[in-house]
Amino acid sequence: MGGFNPSMFPQPGGYGAPSPNQQPYGMYPQPGGGMPQGPGMGYPGGPAPGQQMPGYPGAPGLNPSMPEYPKAPSPNPSMPAYPQGPSVNPSMPGFGHCANIRGFRGTISDFPGADPLKDVEVLRKAMKGFGTDEQAIIDLLGSRSNKQRVPLLVTFKTAYGKDLIKDLKSELSGNFEKVVLAMMKTPAQFDASELKDAIKGAGTDEACLIEILSSRTNAEIQEINRIYKAEHKKSLEEAISGDTSGHFRRLLIALAQGNRDERETVDISLAKQDAQALYAAGENKLGTDESKFNAILCARSKPHLRAVFHEYQQMCGRDIEKSICREMSGDLESGMLAVVKCIKNTPAYFAERLHKAMKGAGTKDRTLIRIMVSRSEIDMLDIRQEYVKNYGKSLYTAITGDTSGDYRKLLLKLCGGND
């Protein structure tokens, strides 16, 4: 599961060796806010702001102080690992710190000087006696970052000898309860539980599987795998295998490896080769070579793929998404499309997911909750921009019109404002 070793796969164009025409990422900025797609996109798996990407073995050594990608949450202070639990570690940049010129793009950040003991007292008061003070819970949880919320579970138990989650479950209900409970998990715990729920039961929520696996970094996916296995006694890969089939299964398993190249440099000659390979595997032959699409879409870096999509468009005058629609069908088509959209422009992809969750009769609350909670410290501001640009009304307005009560109030806190 360790770093991708380019020397195992000699490639034309020198994949893994800095080739003469290699240039830094930047030619194909991601619309919607140029969020770096590397580690550090908001989960604590990534480097602190200003640090560079971890170099893969065989890649140009970008930063000598930084080791190769850790195979497991590493205790190395120069690379803060995904915290295993409520970690109050000053060396950890924690959530939301993007190695990004545009600064923090989330809506929820650390509350300055938050005191966990005072916080649990507020929660206890809100739930004690007759009735529940939901507003107090909304105000508190909606103004604390994930790494400030999660340790409250231990603090609450320390102060009152009671289980905060059990208390919340007994006092709250409906979708409001679901949002609150989601906010009390670490990002990886929440992702693992969402994947579990997407797989179990009668129908599989394929879109949820793709959404999570195509938008998380390697470090995040590896942490999700670790937690999934610990909590469900079987690996995520086994669960996916048992519940899906064919090329769609292969796509999910490939993404679940968390082994995508994460270097920021783009080699244009290799991008052109990949674009030609995709054209040859689809539009230019009878039938489709799905495994070629899989290999390129799941292994290559996101900046590189943005260049590939650009070259593909130049080469055959057709958008890669259009080609996928023409060449594939069913879950594989929607899965590949989602991977492409997510790589092209992550905030726009999430804006579309939110729009679809709310339009028409009935709201897909699961999707709405998952995206609002999981992106609140990463790129919610960019998602809001894409939403208003693409759908003519603000995300805030859409949520207001589609939800009600305390559920609405807490979602709007996560949304962070109107546009």
Protein backbone atom coordinates (compact mmCIF):
# COMPACT_ATOMS: atom_id res chain seq x y z
CA MET A 1 0.00 0.00 0.00
CA GLY A 2 3.08 2.25 0.22
CA GLY A 3 4.18 4.86 -2.27
CA PHE A 4 3.83 4.22 -5.98
CA ASN A 5 7.21 3.18 -7.27
CA PRO A 6 7.63 4.48 -10.78
CA SER A 7 10.70 2.35 -11.43
CA MET A 8 8.43 -0.68 -11.53
CA PHE A 9 6.62 0.73 -14.54
CA PRO A 10 9.04 2.35 -16.93
CA GLN A 11 7.00 4.83 -18.91
CA PRO A 12 7.71 6.87 -21.97
CA GLY A 13 8.08 10.50 -21.06
CA GLY A 14 9.88 9.62 -17.89
CA TYR A 15 7.07 9.26 -15.41
CA GLY A 16 8.92 9.51 -12.17
CA ALA A 17 12.00 11.20 -13.51
CA PRO A 18 11.84 14.94 -14.00
CA SER A 19 11.68 15.09 -17.77
CA PRO A 20 13.06 17.97 -19.77
CA ASN A 21 9.67 19.50 -20.42
CA GLN A 22 8.20 18.99 -17.00
CA GLN A 23 6.58 22.06 -15.60
CA PRO A 24 5.10 22.90 -12.29
CA TYR A 25 1.37 22.53 -11.89
CA GLY A 26 -0.37 25.73 -12.69
CA MET A 27 -1.13 25.59 -16.38
CA TYR A 28 -4.45 23.99 -15.70
CA PRO A 29 -5.74 25.67 -12.60
CA GLN A 30 -8.81 24.16 -11.13
CA PRO A 31 -11.82 26.38 -11.69
CA GLY A 32 -13.69 27.40 -8.61
CA GLY A 33 -10.83 28.28 -6.42
CA GLY A 34 -7.67 26.47 -7.39
CA MET A 35 -7.85 24.25 -4.35
CA PRO A 36 -4.73 22.17 -4.16
CA GLN A 37 -5.78 18.59 -4.59
CA GLY A 38 -2.86 17.22 -2.68
CA PRO A 39 -2.70 16.24 0.94
CA GLY A 40 -3.45 19.07 3.26
CA MET A 41 -6.73 19.81 1.61
CA GLY A 42 -8.23 20.06 4.98
CA TYR A 43 -7.82 16.79 6.72
CA PRO A 44 -4.91 16.60 9.05
CA GLY A 45 -3.22 14.12 6.74
CA GLY A 46 -1.38 16.81 4.89
CA PRO A 47 1.55 19.05 5.25
CA ALA A 48 1.28 22.29 7.17
CA PRO A 49 0.62 25.40 5.16
CA GLY A 50 3.56 26.33 3.02
CA GLN A 51 5.11 22.89 3.10
CA GLN A 52 5.47 21.01 -0.12
CA MET A 53 4.07 17.74 -1.25
CA PRO A 54 5.72 14.63 0.09
CA GLY A 55 7.96 13.27 -2.63
CA TYR A 56 7.22 9.81 -3.86
CA PRO A 57 10.14 7.43 -4.09
CA GLY A 58 11.70 8.05 -7.45
CA ALA A 59 10.11 11.45 -7.83
CA PRO A 60 12.08 14.64 -7.85
CA GLY A 61 12.82 15.19 -4.15
CA LEU A 62 10.70 18.22 -3.50
CA ASN A 63 11.44 18.70 0.10
CA PRO A 64 14.23 16.92 1.90
CA SER A 65 12.72 17.59 5.31
CA MET A 66 9.66 15.63 4.40
CA PRO A 67 9.71 11.87 4.31
CA GLU A 68 7.97 9.79 1.69
CA TYR A 69 4.28 9.33 2.16
CA PRO A 70 3.90 7.60 5.50
CA LYS A 71 2.59 4.07 5.16
CA ALA A 72 0.58 4.63 8.30
CA PRO A 73 -0.21 7.60 10.44
CA SER A 74 3.38 8.55 11.15
CA PRO A 75 4.64 9.81 14.45
CA ASN A 76 6.98 12.12 12.58
CA PRO A 77 6.57 15.69 13.78
CA SER A 78 7.40 17.20 10.41
CA MET A 79 4.43 15.44 8.87
CA PRO A 80 1.41 15.49 11.10
CA ALA A 81 -0.55 12.30 10.63
CA TYR A 82 -4.28 11.85 10.72
CA PRO A 83 -5.09 11.88 14.43
CA GLN A 84 -6.30 8.54 15.71
CA GLY A 85 -8.52 10.07 18.27
CA PRO A 86 -9.03 13.27 20.07
CA SER A 87 -5.49 14.51 19.61
CA VAL A 88 -4.69 17.82 21.13
CA ASN A 89 -1.33 18.09 19.54
CA PRO A 90 0.10 21.55 19.08
CA SER A 91 2.35 20.42 16.23
CA MET A 92 -0.66 19.38 14.26
CA PRO A 93 -1.95 21.95 11.87
CA GLY A 94 -5.22 20.09 11.95
CA PHE A 95 -8.16 20.73 9.75
CA GLY A 96 -8.85 23.31 7.21
CA HIS A 97 -5.30 24.49 6.78
CA CYS A 98 -4.80 24.26 3.07
CA ALA A 99 -1.39 24.61 1.58
CA ASN A 100 -3.00 27.26 -0.55
CA ILE A 101 -2.34 30.81 -1.59
CA ARG A 102 -5.98 31.68 -1.18
CA GLY A 103 -5.91 30.69 2.44
CA PHE A 104 -8.60 28.83 4.29
CA ARG A 105 -11.65 28.00 2.17
CA GLY A 106 -13.88 26.40 4.79
CA THR A 107 -16.64 28.03 6.79
CA ILE A 108 -15.90 26.48 10.18
CA SER A 109 -12.54 27.09 11.81
CA ASP A 110 -11.05 26.76 15.27
CA PHE A 111 -12.87 28.84 17.86
CA PRO A 112 -10.20 30.92 19.61
CA GLY A 113 -9.73 29.98 23.24
CA ALA A 114 -12.42 27.31 23.31
CA ASP A 115 -12.45 25.53 26.68
CA PRO A 116 -13.57 21.89 26.44
CA LEU A 117 -14.75 21.83 30.07
CA LYS A 118 -16.94 24.90 29.55
CA ASP A 119 -18.19 23.43 26.26
CA VAL A 120 -19.34 20.16 27.82
CA GLU A 121 -21.01 22.12 30.59
CA VAL A 122 -23.03 24.00 27.97
CA LEU A 123 -24.01 20.70 26.32
CA ARG A 124 -24.92 19.12 29.66
CA LYS A 125 -27.11 22.10 30.61
CA ALA A 126 -28.77 22.01 27.21
CA MET A 127 -29.83 18.40 27.77
CA LYS A 128 -30.50 18.31 31.51
CA GLY A 129 -33.97 18.47 33.00
CA PHE A 130 -37.17 18.79 31.02
CA GLY A 131 -36.85 19.54 27.31
CA THR A 132 -33.73 20.25 25.30
CA ASP A 133 -32.15 23.58 24.46
CA GLU A 134 -31.42 22.83 20.81
CA GLN A 135 -30.31 26.38 20.08
CA ALA A 136 -27.50 26.09 22.65
CA ILE A 137 -26.32 22.88 20.95
CA ILE A 138 -26.46 24.53 17.51
CA ASP A 139 -24.56 27.61 18.70
CA LEU A 140 -21.86 25.56 20.36
CA LEU A 141 -21.24 22.80 17.80
CA GLY A 142 -21.67 25.19 14.88
CA SER A 143 -18.81 27.35 16.14
CA ARG A 144 -16.23 24.65 16.92
CA SER A 145 -13.93 22.94 14.44
CA ASN A 146 -13.90 19.16 14.14
CA LYS A 147 -10.75 18.87 16.20
CA GLN A 148 -12.42 20.92 18.92
CA ARG A 149 -15.67 18.92 18.81
CA VAL A 150 -14.36 15.36 18.81
CA PRO A 151 -12.42 15.59 22.13
CA LEU A 152 -15.63 16.73 23.85
CA LEU A 153 -16.68 13.05 23.93
CA VAL A 154 -13.85 12.24 26.34
CA THR A 155 -14.18 15.52 28.26
CA PHE A 156 -17.92 14.94 28.75
CA LYS A 157 -17.32 11.45 30.09
CA THR A 158 -14.55 12.76 32.34
CA ALA A 159 -16.76 15.49 33.76
CA TYR A 160 -20.06 13.61 34.08
CA GLY A 161 -19.31 9.90 33.75
CA LYS A 162 -21.85 9.80 30.93
CA ASP A 163 -21.69 9.04 27.24
CA LEU A 164 -22.26 12.24 25.23
CA ILE A 165 -23.37 10.35 22.11
CA LYS A 166 -25.97 8.36 24.07
CA ASP A 167 -27.25 11.56 25.67
CA LEU A 168 -27.48 13.33 22.32
CA LYS A 169 -29.30 10.36 20.80
CA SER A 170 -31.83 10.28 23.59
CA GLU A 171 -32.48 14.04 23.45
CA LEU A 172 -32.44 14.71 19.70
CA SER A 173 -34.22 13.17 16.74
CA GLY A 174 -34.59 13.15 12.99
CA ASN A 175 -32.18 14.80 10.60
CA PHE A 176 -31.04 17.28 13.25
CA GLU A 177 -29.76 14.36 15.32
CA LYS A 178 -28.02 12.92 12.25
CA VAL A 179 -26.11 16.16 11.58
CA VAL A 180 -25.07 16.49 15.24
CA LEU A 181 -23.82 12.88 15.40
CA ALA A 182 -21.95 13.32 12.09
CA MET A 183 -20.23 16.38 13.51
CA MET A 184 -19.00 14.39 16.51
CA LYS A 185 -16.96 11.97 14.38
CA THR A 186 -13.51 12.56 12.92
CA PRO A 187 -13.60 12.99 9.12
CA ALA A 188 -12.25 9.48 8.56
CA GLN A 189 -14.69 7.93 11.06
CA PHE A 190 -17.57 9.72 9.37
CA ASP A 191 -16.42 8.64 5.89
CA ALA A 192 -16.00 5.04 7.05
CA SER A 193 -19.50 4.98 8.54
CA GLU A 194 -21.01 6.55 5.41
CA LEU A 195 -19.29 3.94 3.23
CA LYS A 196 -20.56 1.18 5.52
CA ASP A 197 -24.13 2.48 5.27
CA ALA A 198 -23.81 2.94 1.50
CA ILE A 199 -22.89 -0.74 1.14
CA LYS A 200 -25.21 -2.42 3.63
CA GLY A 201 -28.91 -2.97 3.08
CA ALA A 202 -30.86 -3.75 -0.06
CA GLY A 203 -29.62 -1.15 -2.54
CA THR A 204 -26.05 0.08 -2.66
CA ASP A 205 -25.62 3.85 -2.74
CA GLU A 206 -23.07 3.78 -5.56
CA ALA A 207 -22.90 7.55 -5.84
CA CYS A 208 -21.86 7.85 -2.20
CA LEU A 209 -19.03 5.33 -2.66
CA ILE A 210 -17.70 7.21 -5.68
CA GLU A 211 -18.15 10.63 -4.06
CA ILE A 212 -16.02 9.73 -1.06
CA LEU A 213 -13.38 7.67 -2.84
CA SER A 214 -12.82 10.14 -5.68
CA SER A 215 -12.57 13.28 -3.54
CA ARG A 216 -10.29 12.23 -0.67
CA THR A 217 -6.49 12.30 -0.59
CA ASN A 218 -4.34 9.16 -0.31
CA ALA A 219 -3.67 9.75 3.38
CA GLU A 220 -7.40 10.15 4.02
CA ILE A 221 -8.32 7.00 2.09
CA GLN A 222 -5.68 4.98 3.91
CA GLU A 223 -7.02 6.20 7.25
CA ILE A 224 -10.59 5.37 6.18
CA ASN A 225 -9.41 1.85 5.30
CA ARG A 226 -7.76 1.48 8.70
CA ILE A 227 -10.87 2.59 10.59
CA TYR A 228 -13.23 0.57 8.40
CA LYS A 229 -11.32 -2.60 9.08
CA ALA A 230 -11.06 -1.90 12.82
CA GLU A 231 -14.78 -1.23 13.15
CA HIS A 232 -16.29 -3.73 10.76
CA LYS A 233 -13.88 -6.66 11.00
CA LYS A 234 -13.47 -6.78 7.24
CA SER A 235 -11.67 -4.52 4.84
CA LEU A 236 -13.40 -1.86 2.79
CA GLU A 237 -12.14 -3.64 -0.31
CA GLU A 238 -13.83 -6.91 0.75
CA ALA A 239 -17.06 -5.04 1.41
CA ILE A 240 -16.94 -3.34 -1.99
CA SER A 241 -16.12 -6.63 -3.71
CA GLY A 242 -19.07 -8.38 -2.15
CA ASP A 243 -21.49 -5.65 -3.13
CA THR A 244 -20.56 -4.55 -6.64
CA SER A 245 -19.47 -6.22 -9.85
CA GLY A 246 -17.74 -5.84 -13.19
CA HIS A 247 -15.80 -2.78 -14.24
CA PHE A 248 -17.59 -0.64 -11.67
CA ARG A 249 -16.20 -2.88 -8.92
CA ARG A 250 -12.72 -2.49 -10.41
CA LEU A 251 -13.09 1.29 -10.46
CA LEU A 252 -14.05 1.39 -6.76
CA ILE A 253 -11.31 -1.02 -5.71
CA ALA A 254 -8.73 0.99 -7.65
CA LEU A 255 -9.83 4.22 -5.96
CA ALA A 256 -9.91 2.54 -2.54
CA GLN A 257 -6.17 1.82 -2.72
CA GLY A 258 -5.41 5.44 -1.88
CA ASN A 259 -2.36 5.22 -4.08
CA ARG A 260 -2.88 7.97 -6.66
CA ASP A 261 0.22 9.89 -7.71
CA GLU A 262 0.10 13.16 -5.74
CA ARG A 263 2.95 15.16 -7.29
CA GLU A 264 2.03 18.65 -8.42
CA THR A 265 4.16 18.74 -11.56
CA VAL A 266 2.61 18.12 -14.95
CA ASP A 267 4.53 16.60 -17.84
CA ILE A 268 2.70 17.80 -20.94
CA SER A 269 4.14 15.11 -23.21
CA LEU A 270 2.84 12.41 -20.87
CA ALA A 271 -0.53 14.18 -20.67
CA LYS A 272 -0.74 14.05 -24.47
CA GLN A 273 0.12 10.34 -24.44
CA ASP A 274 -2.57 9.62 -21.85
CA ALA A 275 -5.12 11.61 -23.86
CA GLN A 276 -4.25 9.56 -26.95
CA ALA A 277 -4.50 6.34 -24.95
CA LEU A 278 -8.00 7.31 -23.72
CA TYR A 279 -9.05 8.19 -27.26
CA ALA A 280 -7.71 4.87 -28.56
CA ALA A 281 -9.47 3.01 -25.74
CA GLY A 282 -12.85 4.61 -26.39
CA GLU A 283 -13.94 6.80 -29.28
CA ASN A 284 -11.41 5.32 -31.65
CA LYS A 285 -12.25 1.62 -31.38
CA LEU A 286 -15.19 -0.69 -31.58
CA GLY A 287 -16.18 -1.38 -27.99
CA THR A 288 -14.41 0.28 -25.10
CA ASP A 289 -11.28 -0.70 -23.23
CA GLU A 290 -12.58 0.22 -19.77
CA SER A 291 -9.44 -0.94 -18.00
CA LYS A 292 -7.41 1.75 -19.79
CA PHE A 293 -9.77 4.42 -18.47
CA ASN A 294 -9.47 2.89 -15.03
CA ALA A 295 -5.67 2.83 -15.07
CA ILE A 296 -5.35 6.45 -16.10
CA LEU A 297 -8.20 7.94 -14.04
CA CYS A 298 -7.23 6.15 -10.81
CA ALA A 299 -3.43 6.29 -10.83
CA ARG A 300 -2.50 9.65 -12.31
CA SER A 301 -2.30 12.84 -10.29
CA LYS A 302 -5.18 15.29 -10.37
CA PRO A 303 -3.21 18.19 -11.92
CA HIS A 304 -1.93 15.75 -14.55
CA LEU A 305 -5.47 14.54 -15.32
CA ARG A 306 -6.72 18.10 -15.71
CA ALA A 307 -4.01 18.48 -18.37
CA VAL A 308 -5.05 15.15 -19.94
CA PHE A 309 -8.71 16.27 -20.18
CA HIS A 310 -7.57 19.52 -21.81
CA GLU A 311 -5.41 17.66 -24.34
CA TYR A 312 -8.23 15.19 -25.01
CA GLN A 313 -10.59 18.05 -25.86
CA GLN A 314 -7.95 19.60 -28.16
CA MET A 315 -7.28 16.30 -29.84
CA CYS A 316 -10.72 14.99 -30.66
CA GLY A 317 -12.89 18.07 -30.23
CA ARG A 318 -15.04 16.34 -27.67
CA ASP A 319 -15.20 16.69 -23.92
CA ILE A 320 -14.02 13.58 -22.04
CA GLU A 321 -17.37 13.53 -20.18
CA LYS A 322 -19.25 13.33 -23.50
CA SER A 323 -17.07 10.42 -24.57
CA ILE A 324 -17.73 8.56 -21.32
CA CYS A 325 -21.48 9.04 -21.83
CA ARG A 326 -21.22 7.66 -25.36
CA GLU A 327 -18.95 4.76 -24.46
CA MET A 328 -20.27 3.50 -21.12
CA SER A 329 -23.54 2.93 -19.31
CA GLY A 330 -25.04 2.27 -15.89
CA ASP A 331 -23.01 2.50 -12.69
CA LEU A 332 -19.73 2.49 -14.59
CA GLU A 333 -20.77 5.51 -16.64
CA SER A 334 -21.98 7.49 -13.63
CA GLY A 335 -18.92 6.41 -11.63
CA MET A 336 -16.39 7.42 -14.28
CA LEU A 337 -18.27 10.68 -14.88
CA ALA A 338 -18.18 11.52 -11.19
CA VAL A 339 -14.44 10.80 -11.02
CA VAL A 340 -13.84 13.11 -13.99
CA LYS A 341 -16.04 15.90 -12.60
CA CYS A 342 -14.45 15.64 -9.19
CA ILE A 343 -10.95 15.88 -10.66
CA LYS A 344 -11.83 18.71 -13.05
CA ASN A 345 -13.39 20.91 -10.43
CA THR A 346 -14.05 19.50 -6.97
CA PRO A 347 -16.21 22.38 -5.60
CA ALA A 348 -18.39 22.35 -8.74
CA TYR A 349 -18.82 18.58 -8.36
CA PHE A 350 -20.03 19.00 -4.78
CA ALA A 351 -22.28 21.91 -5.76
CA GLU A 352 -23.92 19.64 -8.34
CA ARG A 353 -24.32 16.84 -5.78
CA LEU A 354 -25.99 19.29 -3.39
CA HIS A 355 -28.23 20.68 -6.12
CA LYS A 356 -29.37 17.19 -7.10
CA ALA A 357 -29.94 16.28 -3.44
CA MET A 358 -32.36 19.18 -3.04
CA LYS A 359 -34.13 19.59 -6.37
CA GLY A 360 -37.44 17.90 -7.18
CA ALA A 361 -39.69 16.14 -4.72
CA GLY A 362 -38.08 14.93 -1.51
CA THR A 363 -34.61 15.78 -0.29
CA LYS A 364 -31.76 13.30 -0.25
CA ASP A 365 -30.87 14.25 3.30
CA ARG A 366 -28.01 11.77 3.63
CA THR A 367 -26.12 13.40 0.77
CA LEU A 368 -26.93 16.90 1.98
CA ILE A 369 -25.72 16.13 5.51
CA ARG A 370 -22.59 14.32 4.37
CA ILE A 371 -21.40 17.10 2.06
CA MET A 372 -22.26 19.96 4.41
CA VAL A 373 -20.44 18.31 7.32
CA SER A 374 -17.45 16.91 5.43
CA ARG A 375 -16.66 19.99 3.31
CA SER A 376 -17.29 22.65 5.98
CA GLU A 377 -13.60 22.87 6.84
CA ILE A 378 -12.22 22.28 3.36
CA ASP A 379 -13.87 24.10 0.46
CA MET A 380 -17.39 25.17 1.45
CA LEU A 381 -16.70 28.76 0.30
CA ASP A 382 -15.74 27.49 -3.16
CA ILE A 383 -18.78 25.17 -3.26
CA ARG A 384 -21.00 28.16 -2.45
CA GLN A 385 -19.42 30.17 -5.28
CA GLU A 386 -19.97 27.34 -7.77
CA TYR A 387 -23.53 26.83 -6.52
CA VAL A 388 -24.65 30.40 -7.06
CA LYS A 389 -22.80 30.58 -10.39
CA ASN A 390 -24.32 27.35 -11.75
CA TYR A 391 -27.82 27.34 -10.26
CA GLY A 392 -28.71 31.01 -10.03
CA LYS A 393 -29.40 30.99 -6.31
CA SER A 394 -27.27 30.71 -3.24
CA LEU A 395 -26.70 27.44 -1.41
CA TYR A 396 -28.03 29.23 1.68
CA THR A 397 -31.33 29.98 -0.08
CA ALA A 398 -31.59 26.42 -1.41
CA ILE A 399 -31.09 24.91 2.06
CA THR A 400 -33.54 27.39 3.60
CA GLY A 401 -36.21 26.44 1.09
CA ASP A 402 -35.65 22.75 1.40
CA THR A 403 -35.24 22.05 5.12
CA SER A 404 -36.78 23.28 8.36
CA GLY A 405 -36.39 23.66 12.10
CA ASP A 406 -33.19 22.92 13.99
CA TYR A 407 -31.95 20.78 11.10
CA ARG A 408 -32.08 23.85 8.84
CA LYS A 409 -30.41 26.07 11.47
CA LEU A 410 -27.43 23.75 11.89
CA LEU A 411 -26.98 23.21 8.13
CA LEU A 412 -27.00 26.98 7.64
CA LYS A 413 -24.28 27.30 10.31
CA LEU A 414 -22.18 24.85 8.26
CA CYS A 415 -23.03 26.78 5.10
CA GLY A 416 -21.69 29.86 6.83
CA GLY A 417 -23.55 32.64 5.05
CA ASN A 418 -25.58 33.80 2.09
CA ASP A 419 -24.14 34.75 -1.30
